[in-house]
Amino acid sequence: MSYLAALVTAVAVFLTGRLLIGARRIRSASVAAKSPGDIPGIDVSALQFWSTVIGLAGVTFLVVLALTELVVVALAPAFVVATLPKAYFARKRSNRIAEVQEAWPDGLRDLLSSVRSGASLGMAIENLASFGPEPLRDAFAGFDVYARSLGLVAALEMVKEDLADPTSDRIIEILILAHERGGVVVPEILSDLADATTRDAWTLEQIRTEALEQKINSRVVFVLPWLVLVAMTAQSGAFREFYSTPVGILVVAIGAVMSLFGIAIASKLGSQPPEPRVFGGQTR
């Protein structure tokens, strides 16, 4: 009976989590190939992603089950740990994009200096891939090869789709426009773009800093009750006996659903709506 109740609880928690957290498909950095486990700019396959999710959840379930001997108590930590790989890779992707956004003002000033020194815009971008800020060197790695074989516009489009970032989209579209316009207007375009990008980067950093504390608090409030529950049931006694009964299982199930609703509300209130990629996915 208790195992049947635990199974029902697991299904309820899983379905609720899918609804609240949103199990949306994660896009690949490649335009041609897409898979549920791919995140733009992060080199991880769907097999690696889901293997990590299943492995971590399984190990967590077994460890907590060994400590508490209660299936229902082990389910909630296993579910939480199962969501960590997606959060980790998304965070890694977010950090990479933040580094690129912060590097763009210096990179654009490097482009401006190269153009004012007499280099063409294409040559200036190639120099950026070799001598620019480190995040932009990684983003433009191989740009010179693609530019010579496919053309500058197509090479910039490839960089844009690899970064998959609204700020980079706008900058690269303006670089394409400056390349197509050419002439004496290019330095003026680059100068205005560098100033605007500096202001945007400063604003984005302020938003991230203000949202960080709320995110940390919401995660801590969600995790602490479950750590206390595991600690209370780690040894035999009244707590373990209670949570092994149908009433105890029901209490854990209700607590899990309420926790999920709480973390969803806290995350919603503390998150900023993502900026749409107005120039993303365009072909020329």
Protein backbone atom coordinates (compact mmCIF):
# COMPACT_ATOMS: atom_id res chain seq x y z
CA MET A 1 0.00 0.00 0.00
CA SER A 2 2.76 2.43 0.94
CA TYR A 3 4.65 1.71 -2.31
CA LEU A 4 1.48 2.35 -4.33
CA ALA A 5 0.95 5.63 -2.53
CA ALA A 6 4.58 6.55 -3.13
CA LEU A 7 4.17 5.84 -6.85
CA VAL A 8 1.08 8.04 -7.01
CA THR A 9 2.96 10.76 -5.16
CA ALA A 10 5.89 10.53 -7.57
CA VAL A 11 3.59 10.86 -10.59
CA ALA A 12 1.79 13.84 -9.03
CA VAL A 13 5.02 15.61 -8.15
CA PHE A 14 6.49 14.95 -11.60
CA LEU A 15 3.42 16.21 -13.48
CA THR A 16 3.14 19.27 -11.24
CA GLY A 17 6.80 20.05 -11.78
CA ARG A 18 6.40 19.73 -15.53
CA LEU A 19 3.53 22.19 -15.44
CA LEU A 20 5.17 24.69 -13.11
CA ILE A 21 8.79 24.62 -14.16
CA GLY A 22 7.98 24.14 -17.84
CA ALA A 23 9.72 21.31 -19.62
CA ARG A 24 10.23 23.19 -22.83
CA ARG A 25 12.53 21.86 -25.53
CA ILE A 26 16.06 23.25 -25.43
CA ARG A 27 17.31 24.50 -28.76
CA SER A 28 20.58 23.44 -30.32
CA ALA A 29 23.32 25.81 -31.40
CA SER A 30 23.21 24.24 -34.83
CA VAL A 31 20.62 25.55 -37.27
CA ALA A 32 20.35 22.17 -38.99
CA ALA A 33 20.16 19.79 -36.03
CA LYS A 34 18.01 20.20 -32.93
CA SER A 35 17.55 17.88 -29.96
CA PRO A 36 15.90 18.19 -26.53
CA GLY A 37 19.18 18.12 -24.65
CA ASP A 38 21.01 20.81 -26.59
CA ILE A 39 21.52 24.36 -25.35
CA PRO A 40 22.82 27.08 -27.71
CA GLY A 41 26.54 27.53 -27.29
CA ILE A 42 26.93 24.55 -24.95
CA ASP A 43 28.54 21.37 -26.28
CA VAL A 44 26.31 18.70 -24.75
CA SER A 45 24.30 16.09 -26.63
CA ALA A 46 20.79 14.90 -25.79
CA LEU A 47 22.18 11.51 -24.69
CA GLN A 48 24.69 13.14 -22.34
CA PHE A 49 22.05 15.46 -20.94
CA TRP A 50 19.42 12.81 -20.18
CA SER A 51 22.03 10.34 -18.93
CA THR A 52 23.17 12.96 -16.43
CA VAL A 53 19.60 13.70 -15.35
CA ILE A 54 18.68 10.03 -14.84
CA GLY A 55 22.00 9.18 -13.19
CA LEU A 56 21.90 12.01 -10.66
CA ALA A 57 18.24 11.45 -9.83
CA GLY A 58 18.79 7.71 -9.39
CA VAL A 59 21.83 8.10 -7.15
CA THR A 60 20.08 10.73 -5.02
CA PHE A 61 17.01 8.51 -4.64
CA LEU A 62 19.09 5.53 -3.55
CA VAL A 63 21.20 7.54 -1.09
CA VAL A 64 18.20 9.19 0.59
CA LEU A 65 16.32 5.88 0.59
CA ALA A 66 19.28 4.22 2.32
CA LEU A 67 19.29 6.96 4.96
CA THR A 68 15.57 7.17 5.63
CA GLU A 69 14.19 3.84 4.37
CA LEU A 70 11.20 5.85 3.12
CA VAL A 71 10.43 5.87 -0.60
CA VAL A 72 8.19 8.92 -0.42
CA VAL A 73 10.85 11.00 1.35
CA ALA A 74 13.48 9.99 -1.23
CA LEU A 75 11.33 11.03 -4.18
CA ALA A 76 11.35 14.78 -3.57
CA PRO A 77 15.18 15.18 -3.36
CA ALA A 78 15.54 12.95 -6.44
CA PHE A 79 13.13 15.15 -8.37
CA VAL A 80 14.94 18.33 -7.31
CA VAL A 81 18.32 16.90 -8.30
CA ALA A 82 16.86 15.82 -11.66
CA THR A 83 16.23 19.49 -12.48
CA LEU A 84 19.80 20.56 -11.68
CA PRO A 85 21.52 19.58 -14.97
CA LYS A 86 19.17 21.77 -17.00
CA ALA A 87 19.65 24.63 -14.56
CA TYR A 88 23.43 24.11 -14.62
CA PHE A 89 23.75 24.14 -18.41
CA ALA A 90 21.33 27.06 -18.71
CA ARG A 91 23.39 28.95 -16.14
CA LYS A 92 26.59 28.10 -17.99
CA ARG A 93 25.03 29.35 -21.21
CA SER A 94 23.82 32.51 -19.44
CA ASN A 95 27.30 33.20 -18.05
CA ARG A 96 28.84 32.76 -21.48
CA ILE A 97 26.38 35.20 -23.04
CA ALA A 98 26.91 37.69 -20.20
CA GLU A 99 30.67 37.59 -20.83
CA VAL A 100 30.10 38.22 -24.54
CA GLN A 101 27.73 41.11 -23.81
CA GLU A 102 30.24 42.70 -21.45
CA ALA A 103 33.02 42.26 -24.01
CA TRP A 104 31.16 43.88 -26.92
CA PRO A 105 31.89 47.54 -25.98
CA ASP A 106 35.66 46.92 -25.93
CA GLY A 107 35.38 44.77 -29.03
CA LEU A 108 33.53 47.48 -30.93
CA ARG A 109 36.14 50.04 -29.93
CA ASP A 110 38.81 47.68 -31.25
CA LEU A 111 36.89 47.50 -34.54
CA LEU A 112 36.63 51.28 -34.61
CA SER A 113 40.38 51.67 -34.05
CA SER A 114 41.17 49.18 -36.82
CA VAL A 115 38.82 50.88 -39.30
CA ARG A 116 40.20 54.32 -38.49
CA SER A 117 43.69 52.90 -39.08
CA GLY A 118 42.70 52.05 -42.65
CA ALA A 119 41.58 48.41 -42.35
CA SER A 120 38.39 47.23 -43.99
CA LEU A 121 35.53 46.15 -41.76
CA GLY A 122 36.06 42.51 -42.74
CA MET A 123 39.74 42.67 -41.84
CA ALA A 124 38.91 44.45 -38.57
CA ILE A 125 36.50 41.64 -37.59
CA GLU A 126 39.16 39.03 -38.42
CA ASN A 127 41.58 40.91 -36.16
CA LEU A 128 38.90 40.89 -33.46
CA ALA A 129 38.89 37.09 -33.61
CA SER A 130 42.64 37.08 -32.93
CA PHE A 131 43.31 40.12 -30.74
CA GLY A 132 39.93 41.17 -29.30
CA PRO A 133 38.53 40.46 -25.81
CA GLU A 134 38.70 36.78 -24.87
CA PRO A 135 34.93 36.03 -25.02
CA LEU A 136 34.75 37.49 -28.54
CA ARG A 137 37.81 35.51 -29.64
CA ASP A 138 35.96 32.33 -28.75
CA ALA A 139 32.75 33.53 -30.42
CA PHE A 140 34.56 34.47 -33.66
CA ALA A 141 36.90 31.47 -33.76
CA GLY A 142 37.10 30.28 -37.37
CA PHE A 143 35.41 33.43 -38.66
CA ASP A 144 38.23 34.16 -41.13
CA VAL A 145 37.88 30.73 -42.75
CA TYR A 146 34.11 31.04 -43.09
CA ALA A 147 34.37 34.62 -44.37
CA ARG A 148 36.76 33.61 -47.15
CA SER A 149 34.73 30.58 -48.21
CA LEU A 150 31.15 31.82 -47.66
CA GLY A 151 31.46 35.59 -47.54
CA LEU A 152 31.48 38.03 -44.65
CA VAL A 153 27.69 38.29 -44.30
CA ALA A 154 27.20 34.51 -44.14
CA ALA A 155 30.06 34.17 -41.63
CA LEU A 156 28.50 36.84 -39.39
CA GLU A 157 25.14 35.06 -39.64
CA MET A 158 26.80 31.86 -38.41
CA VAL A 159 28.30 33.68 -35.42
CA LYS A 160 24.93 35.24 -34.68
CA GLU A 161 23.11 31.90 -34.64
CA ASP A 162 25.83 30.32 -32.49
CA LEU A 163 25.54 33.06 -29.86
CA ALA A 164 21.70 33.15 -30.08
CA ASP A 165 21.63 36.34 -28.02
CA PRO A 166 19.43 39.42 -28.70
CA THR A 167 22.25 41.88 -27.91
CA SER A 168 24.67 40.11 -30.25
CA ASP A 169 21.90 39.85 -32.86
CA ARG A 170 21.51 43.63 -32.96
CA ILE A 171 25.25 44.28 -33.06
CA ILE A 172 25.90 41.77 -35.82
CA GLU A 173 22.98 43.08 -37.89
CA ILE A 174 24.43 46.59 -37.64
CA LEU A 175 27.87 45.25 -38.61
CA ILE A 176 26.29 43.64 -41.66
CA LEU A 177 24.58 46.94 -42.49
CA ALA A 178 27.85 48.84 -42.06
CA HIS A 179 29.58 46.34 -44.37
CA GLU A 180 26.88 46.77 -47.01
CA ARG A 181 26.87 50.57 -46.74
CA GLY A 182 30.66 50.92 -46.56
CA GLY A 183 32.49 54.21 -46.96
CA VAL A 184 33.09 56.95 -44.43
CA VAL A 185 29.88 56.15 -42.54
CA VAL A 186 31.38 52.97 -41.02
CA PRO A 187 33.42 54.69 -38.24
CA GLU A 188 30.40 56.77 -37.26
CA ILE A 189 28.18 53.65 -37.08
CA LEU A 190 30.74 51.79 -34.98
CA SER A 191 31.19 54.74 -32.61
CA ASP A 192 27.44 55.10 -32.00
CA LEU A 193 27.09 51.33 -31.64
CA ALA A 194 29.88 51.17 -29.04
CA ASP A 195 28.25 53.90 -26.94
CA ALA A 196 24.79 52.28 -27.11
CA THR A 197 26.19 48.83 -26.28
CA THR A 198 28.04 50.22 -23.24
CA ARG A 199 24.80 51.64 -21.86
CA ASP A 200 22.96 48.35 -22.55
CA ALA A 201 25.68 46.29 -20.82
CA TRP A 202 25.56 48.52 -17.75
CA THR A 203 21.75 48.22 -17.55
CA LEU A 204 21.85 44.42 -17.91
CA GLU A 205 24.43 44.13 -15.13
CA GLN A 206 22.22 46.18 -12.81
CA ILE A 207 19.24 43.92 -13.55
CA ARG A 208 21.25 40.73 -12.89
CA THR A 209 22.62 42.07 -9.60
CA GLU A 210 19.22 43.09 -8.26
CA ALA A 211 17.63 39.74 -9.20
CA LEU A 212 20.41 37.57 -7.71
CA GLU A 213 19.39 37.93 -4.05
CA GLN A 214 15.77 37.01 -4.77
CA LYS A 215 16.83 33.89 -6.64
CA ILE A 216 19.13 32.74 -3.84
CA ASN A 217 16.46 33.29 -1.18
CA SER A 218 13.79 31.39 -3.13
CA ARG A 219 16.11 28.38 -3.63
CA VAL A 220 17.13 28.28 0.04
CA VAL A 221 13.52 28.46 1.26
CA PHE A 222 12.62 25.59 -1.07
CA VAL A 223 15.50 23.28 -0.11
CA LEU A 224 15.68 23.73 3.67
CA PRO A 225 12.41 21.97 4.63
CA TRP A 226 13.42 18.87 2.69
CA LEU A 227 16.84 18.78 4.31
CA VAL A 228 15.15 18.95 7.70
CA LEU A 229 12.76 16.14 6.69
CA VAL A 230 15.65 13.90 5.60
CA ALA A 231 17.51 14.65 8.85
CA MET A 232 14.46 13.81 10.97
CA THR A 233 13.83 10.49 9.21
CA ALA A 234 17.48 9.42 8.93
CA GLN A 235 17.20 7.51 12.20
CA SER A 236 14.50 5.11 13.30
CA GLY A 237 11.91 6.59 15.59
CA ALA A 238 8.57 8.35 15.70
CA PHE A 239 9.24 10.56 12.67
CA ARG A 240 10.19 7.65 10.41
CA GLU A 241 7.23 5.62 11.60
CA PHE A 242 4.83 8.49 10.96
CA TYR A 243 6.06 9.21 7.43
CA SER A 244 5.82 5.52 6.55
CA THR A 245 2.06 5.58 7.18
CA PRO A 246 -0.52 6.66 4.54
CA VAL A 247 -1.14 9.88 6.47
CA GLY A 248 2.57 10.69 6.53
CA ILE A 249 2.88 9.98 2.81
CA LEU A 250 -0.06 12.30 2.18
CA VAL A 251 1.63 15.04 4.23
CA VAL A 252 4.82 14.69 2.16
CA ALA A 253 2.82 14.75 -1.10
CA ILE A 254 0.96 17.91 -0.08
CA GLY A 255 4.22 19.50 1.07
CA ALA A 256 5.88 18.65 -2.25
CA VAL A 257 3.05 20.20 -4.27
CA MET A 258 3.02 23.33 -2.10
CA SER A 259 6.81 23.63 -2.40
CA LEU A 260 6.62 23.40 -6.16
CA PHE A 261 3.91 26.05 -6.30
CA GLY A 262 5.96 28.25 -3.99
CA ILE A 263 9.19 27.97 -5.97
CA ALA A 264 7.28 28.58 -9.20
CA ILE A 265 5.69 31.75 -7.83
CA ALA A 266 8.99 32.99 -6.36
CA SER A 267 10.84 32.29 -9.61
CA LYS A 268 8.13 34.03 -11.62
CA LEU A 269 8.18 37.13 -9.44
CA GLY A 270 11.98 37.29 -9.37
CA SER A 271 12.62 36.65 -13.06
CA GLN A 272 12.88 39.09 -15.90
CA PRO A 273 11.03 38.35 -19.15
CA PRO A 274 13.52 37.20 -21.79
CA GLU A 275 14.22 39.64 -24.58
CA PRO A 276 12.93 38.24 -27.89
CA ARG A 277 15.41 37.60 -30.70
CA VAL A 278 13.94 40.00 -33.25
CA PHE A 279 16.83 39.39 -35.67
CA GLY A 280 17.32 35.71 -34.85
CA GLY A 281 17.04 32.97 -37.44
CA GLN A 282 17.14 35.27 -40.45
CA THR A 283 18.69 34.10 -43.65
CA ARG A 284 20.10 36.26 -46.41
